[in-house]
Amino acid sequence: MKALTPFHVAIPVFDLDSARTFYRDVIGCEEGRSAEKWIDFNFFGHQFVIHYKARSTSEENASNPVDGHDVPVPHYGLVMEWNEWEKLRDRLIDKGIEFIIEPHIRFQGKVGEQATMFLMDPCGNALEFKSFKDFNQIFAK
């Protein structure tokens, strides 16, 4: 498999200060460059940017059923090494984070078995962190 290059993603936040604290102090991302209305983070080796955008009243939260849970749509996140996922799970629990979907094993005993957890940032963006003990299962059918 070809080595992956870092992705870049930018998301809107309506409270730059609380989002900065969340991604830096709770998730554990190193802060990079910033300006008045945006902040770069090292999101586990990827370039992740929060951009200020005024809160919208027209956006609705949606979800799709997956393996007995209502998965928020849209969401973003990361596929992590198993031990890194466990460290992040423990860090989030220690910080008292409220999960949308508690850390658990999805599709247990089936193709695509994975550890997963969902949470929200302070601005309502849904995040998923997941891991596969067998990375060959990521795209398995």
C-alpha atoms as a PDB file:
ATOM      1  CA  MET A   1       0.000   0.000   0.000  1.00  0.00           C
ATOM      2  CA  LYS A   2       1.267   3.478  -0.895  1.00  0.00           C
ATOM      3  CA  ALA A   3       2.083   5.715   2.068  1.00  0.00           C
ATOM      4  CA  LEU A   4      -0.686   8.191   2.743  1.00  0.00           C
ATOM      5  CA  THR A   5      -0.043  11.905   2.625  1.00  0.00           C
ATOM      6  CA  PRO A   6      -1.667  14.175   5.211  1.00  0.00           C
ATOM      7  CA  PHE A   7      -5.176  15.382   4.459  1.00  0.00           C
ATOM      8  CA  HIS A   8      -6.340  18.970   4.885  1.00  0.00           C
ATOM      9  CA  VAL A   9      -9.787  19.754   6.217  1.00  0.00           C
ATOM     10  CA  ALA A  10     -11.300  23.032   7.369  1.00  0.00           C
ATOM     11  CA  ILE A  11     -14.479  23.256   9.419  1.00  0.00           C
ATOM     12  CA  PRO A  12     -16.673  26.125  10.608  1.00  0.00           C
ATOM     13  CA  VAL A  13     -16.870  27.073  14.285  1.00  0.00           C
ATOM     14  CA  PHE A  14     -18.974  29.848  15.799  1.00  0.00           C
ATOM     15  CA  ASP A  15     -16.781  30.173  18.921  1.00  0.00           C
ATOM     16  CA  LEU A  16     -13.111  30.220  17.976  1.00  0.00           C
ATOM     17  CA  ASP A  17     -11.864  30.358  21.584  1.00  0.00           C
ATOM     18  CA  SER A  18     -13.838  27.366  22.879  1.00  0.00           C
ATOM     19  CA  ALA A  19     -13.013  25.358  19.745  1.00  0.00           C
ATOM     20  CA  ARG A  20      -9.304  26.221  20.163  1.00  0.00           C
ATOM     21  CA  THR A  21      -9.382  24.999  23.762  1.00  0.00           C
ATOM     22  CA  PHE A  22     -11.231  21.809  22.786  1.00  0.00           C
ATOM     23  CA  TYR A  23      -8.920  20.780  19.940  1.00  0.00           C
ATOM     24  CA  ARG A  24      -5.745  21.813  21.773  1.00  0.00           C
ATOM     25  CA  ASP A  25      -6.456  20.796  25.374  1.00  0.00           C
ATOM     26  CA  VAL A  26      -9.057  18.033  25.084  1.00  0.00           C
ATOM     27  CA  ILE A  27      -8.202  16.272  21.814  1.00  0.00           C
ATOM     28  CA  GLY A  28      -4.486  17.071  22.248  1.00  0.00           C
ATOM     29  CA  CYS A  29      -3.706  18.695  18.891  1.00  0.00           C
ATOM     30  CA  GLU A  30      -0.672  20.951  18.610  1.00  0.00           C
ATOM     31  CA  GLU A  31      -1.634  24.456  17.519  1.00  0.00           C
ATOM     32  CA  GLY A  32       0.037  25.834  14.412  1.00  0.00           C
ATOM     33  CA  ARG A  33      -0.387  29.100  12.522  1.00  0.00           C
ATOM     34  CA  SER A  34      -3.387  31.291  13.205  1.00  0.00           C
ATOM     35  CA  ALA A  35      -5.008  34.589  12.341  1.00  0.00           C
ATOM     36  CA  GLU A  36      -7.985  36.508  13.678  1.00  0.00           C
ATOM     37  CA  LYS A  37     -10.551  34.134  12.151  1.00  0.00           C
ATOM     38  CA  TRP A  38      -8.779  30.765  11.786  1.00  0.00           C
ATOM     39  CA  ILE A  39      -6.409  28.360  13.569  1.00  0.00           C
ATOM     40  CA  ASP A  40      -4.334  25.478  12.149  1.00  0.00           C
ATOM     41  CA  PHE A  41      -3.832  22.295  14.178  1.00  0.00           C
ATOM     42  CA  ASN A  42      -1.714  19.188  13.792  1.00  0.00           C
ATOM     43  CA  PHE A  43      -4.562  16.644  13.866  1.00  0.00           C
ATOM     44  CA  PHE A  44      -2.537  13.448  14.367  1.00  0.00           C
ATOM     45  CA  GLY A  45      -0.250  14.368  11.458  1.00  0.00           C
ATOM     46  CA  HIS A  46      -2.958  15.989   9.313  1.00  0.00           C
ATOM     47  CA  GLN A  47      -3.661  19.667   8.666  1.00  0.00           C
ATOM     48  CA  PHE A  48      -6.890  20.605  10.391  1.00  0.00           C
ATOM     49  CA  VAL A  49      -8.203  24.164  10.407  1.00  0.00           C
ATOM     50  CA  ILE A  50     -11.040  25.785  12.321  1.00  0.00           C
ATOM     51  CA  HIS A  51     -12.531  28.871  10.670  1.00  0.00           C
ATOM     52  CA  TYR A  52     -14.853  31.303  12.365  1.00  0.00           C
ATOM     53  CA  LYS A  53     -18.355  31.321  10.880  1.00  0.00           C
ATOM     54  CA  ALA A  54     -21.354  32.920  12.578  1.00  0.00           C
ATOM     55  CA  ARG A  55     -23.788  30.422  14.073  1.00  0.00           C
ATOM     56  CA  SER A  56     -26.492  29.403  11.624  1.00  0.00           C
ATOM     57  CA  THR A  57     -30.049  28.757  12.728  1.00  0.00           C
ATOM     58  CA  SER A  58     -30.982  26.867   9.570  1.00  0.00           C
ATOM     59  CA  GLU A  59     -28.673  23.867   9.924  1.00  0.00           C
ATOM     60  CA  GLU A  60     -30.306  20.622  11.007  1.00  0.00           C
ATOM     61  CA  ASN A  61     -28.628  17.636  12.573  1.00  0.00           C
ATOM     62  CA  ALA A  62     -29.223  14.441  10.648  1.00  0.00           C
ATOM     63  CA  SER A  63     -28.271  10.850  11.282  1.00  0.00           C
ATOM     64  CA  ASN A  64     -28.194   7.469   9.615  1.00  0.00           C
ATOM     65  CA  PRO A  65     -28.635   4.123  11.363  1.00  0.00           C
ATOM     66  CA  VAL A  66     -25.403   2.089  11.468  1.00  0.00           C
ATOM     67  CA  ASP A  67     -25.053  -1.112  13.472  1.00  0.00           C
ATOM     68  CA  GLY A  68     -27.775  -0.110  15.942  1.00  0.00           C
ATOM     69  CA  HIS A  69     -26.650   3.513  16.451  1.00  0.00           C
ATOM     70  CA  ASP A  70     -27.753   6.837  14.976  1.00  0.00           C
ATOM     71  CA  VAL A  71     -24.564   8.092  13.313  1.00  0.00           C
ATOM     72  CA  PRO A  72     -24.483  11.895  12.918  1.00  0.00           C
ATOM     73  CA  VAL A  73     -24.259  13.273   9.391  1.00  0.00           C
ATOM     74  CA  PRO A  74     -22.085  15.063   8.547  1.00  0.00           C
ATOM     75  CA  HIS A  75     -19.115  14.038  10.654  1.00  0.00           C
ATOM     76  CA  TYR A  76     -15.375  13.828  10.216  1.00  0.00           C
ATOM     77  CA  GLY A  77     -12.606  12.114  12.078  1.00  0.00           C
ATOM     78  CA  LEU A  78      -9.692   9.797  11.840  1.00  0.00           C
ATOM     79  CA  VAL A  79      -8.731   6.144  11.537  1.00  0.00           C
ATOM     80  CA  MET A  80      -6.043   5.649  14.156  1.00  0.00           C
ATOM     81  CA  GLU A  81      -3.645   2.934  15.260  1.00  0.00           C
ATOM     82  CA  TRP A  82      -5.389   0.739  17.856  1.00  0.00           C
ATOM     83  CA  ASN A  83      -3.205   1.795  20.797  1.00  0.00           C
ATOM     84  CA  GLU A  84      -3.552   5.491  19.849  1.00  0.00           C
ATOM     85  CA  TRP A  85      -7.351   5.085  19.706  1.00  0.00           C
ATOM     86  CA  GLU A  86      -7.318   3.550  23.178  1.00  0.00           C
ATOM     87  CA  LYS A  87      -5.155   6.415  24.523  1.00  0.00           C
ATOM     88  CA  LEU A  88      -7.512   9.017  23.033  1.00  0.00           C
ATOM     89  CA  ARG A  89     -10.582   7.159  24.370  1.00  0.00           C
ATOM     90  CA  ASP A  90      -9.060   7.128  27.860  1.00  0.00           C
ATOM     91  CA  ARG A  91      -8.070  10.819  27.592  1.00  0.00           C
ATOM     92  CA  LEU A  92     -11.611  11.802  26.547  1.00  0.00           C
ATOM     93  CA  ILE A  93     -13.152   9.769  29.374  1.00  0.00           C
ATOM     94  CA  ASP A  94     -10.715  11.350  31.876  1.00  0.00           C
ATOM     95  CA  LYS A  95     -11.727  14.824  30.572  1.00  0.00           C
ATOM     96  CA  GLY A  96     -15.407  13.967  31.155  1.00  0.00           C
ATOM     97  CA  ILE A  97     -16.375  14.235  27.487  1.00  0.00           C
ATOM     98  CA  GLU A  98     -19.990  13.381  26.694  1.00  0.00           C
ATOM     99  CA  PHE A  99     -20.116  10.946  23.794  1.00  0.00           C
ATOM    100  CA  ILE A 100     -22.823  10.900  21.119  1.00  0.00           C
ATOM    101  CA  ILE A 101     -21.979   7.212  20.671  1.00  0.00           C
ATOM    102  CA  GLU A 102     -19.912   5.679  23.472  1.00  0.00           C
ATOM    103  CA  PRO A 103     -16.610   3.972  22.601  1.00  0.00           C
ATOM    104  CA  HIS A 104     -17.370   0.435  21.488  1.00  0.00           C
ATOM    105  CA  ILE A 105     -16.587  -2.279  18.940  1.00  0.00           C
ATOM    106  CA  ARG A 106     -18.772  -2.026  15.821  1.00  0.00           C
ATOM    107  CA  PHE A 107     -19.506  -4.957  13.486  1.00  0.00           C
ATOM    108  CA  GLN A 108     -18.030  -7.322  16.068  1.00  0.00           C
ATOM    109  CA  GLY A 109     -16.987 -10.622  14.473  1.00  0.00           C
ATOM    110  CA  LYS A 110     -17.882  -9.346  10.976  1.00  0.00           C
ATOM    111  CA  VAL A 111     -15.996  -7.860   8.044  1.00  0.00           C
ATOM    112  CA  GLY A 112     -14.948  -4.324   8.942  1.00  0.00           C
ATOM    113  CA  GLU A 113     -14.877  -4.870  12.711  1.00  0.00           C
ATOM    114  CA  GLN A 114     -13.703  -1.611  14.284  1.00  0.00           C
ATOM    115  CA  ALA A 115     -13.427   0.374  17.477  1.00  0.00           C
ATOM    116  CA  THR A 116     -15.343   3.639  17.223  1.00  0.00           C
ATOM    117  CA  MET A 117     -16.565   6.604  19.245  1.00  0.00           C
ATOM    118  CA  PHE A 118     -18.451   9.789  18.369  1.00  0.00           C
ATOM    119  CA  LEU A 119     -18.490  13.147  20.110  1.00  0.00           C
ATOM    120  CA  MET A 120     -19.263  16.788  19.386  1.00  0.00           C
ATOM    121  CA  ASP A 121     -16.934  19.758  19.546  1.00  0.00           C
ATOM    122  CA  PRO A 122     -18.234  22.877  21.371  1.00  0.00           C
ATOM    123  CA  CYS A 123     -19.656  24.249  18.094  1.00  0.00           C
ATOM    124  CA  GLY A 124     -21.727  21.164  17.236  1.00  0.00           C
ATOM    125  CA  ASN A 125     -19.343  19.504  14.751  1.00  0.00           C
ATOM    126  CA  ALA A 126     -19.549  15.718  15.039  1.00  0.00           C
ATOM    127  CA  LEU A 127     -16.281  13.748  15.199  1.00  0.00           C
ATOM    128  CA  GLU A 128     -15.653  10.043  14.845  1.00  0.00           C
ATOM    129  CA  PHE A 129     -12.441   8.333  15.885  1.00  0.00           C
ATOM    130  CA  LYS A 130     -12.046   4.733  14.849  1.00  0.00           C
ATOM    131  CA  SER A 131      -9.490   1.966  14.571  1.00  0.00           C
ATOM    132  CA  PHE A 132      -9.138  -1.451  13.012  1.00  0.00           C
ATOM    133  CA  LYS A 133      -6.977  -4.178  14.515  1.00  0.00           C
ATOM    134  CA  ASP A 134      -6.613  -5.351  10.890  1.00  0.00           C
ATOM    135  CA  PHE A 135      -6.091  -2.327   8.626  1.00  0.00           C
ATOM    136  CA  ASN A 136      -6.807  -4.571   5.635  1.00  0.00           C
ATOM    137  CA  GLN A 137     -10.449  -4.423   6.780  1.00  0.00           C
ATOM    138  CA  ILE A 138     -10.820  -0.665   6.202  1.00  0.00           C
ATOM    139  CA  PHE A 139     -12.190  -1.083   2.668  1.00  0.00           C
ATOM    140  CA  ALA A 140     -13.328  -4.714   2.936  1.00  0.00           C
ATOM    141  CA  LYS A 141     -16.754  -5.605   1.571  1.00  0.00           C
END
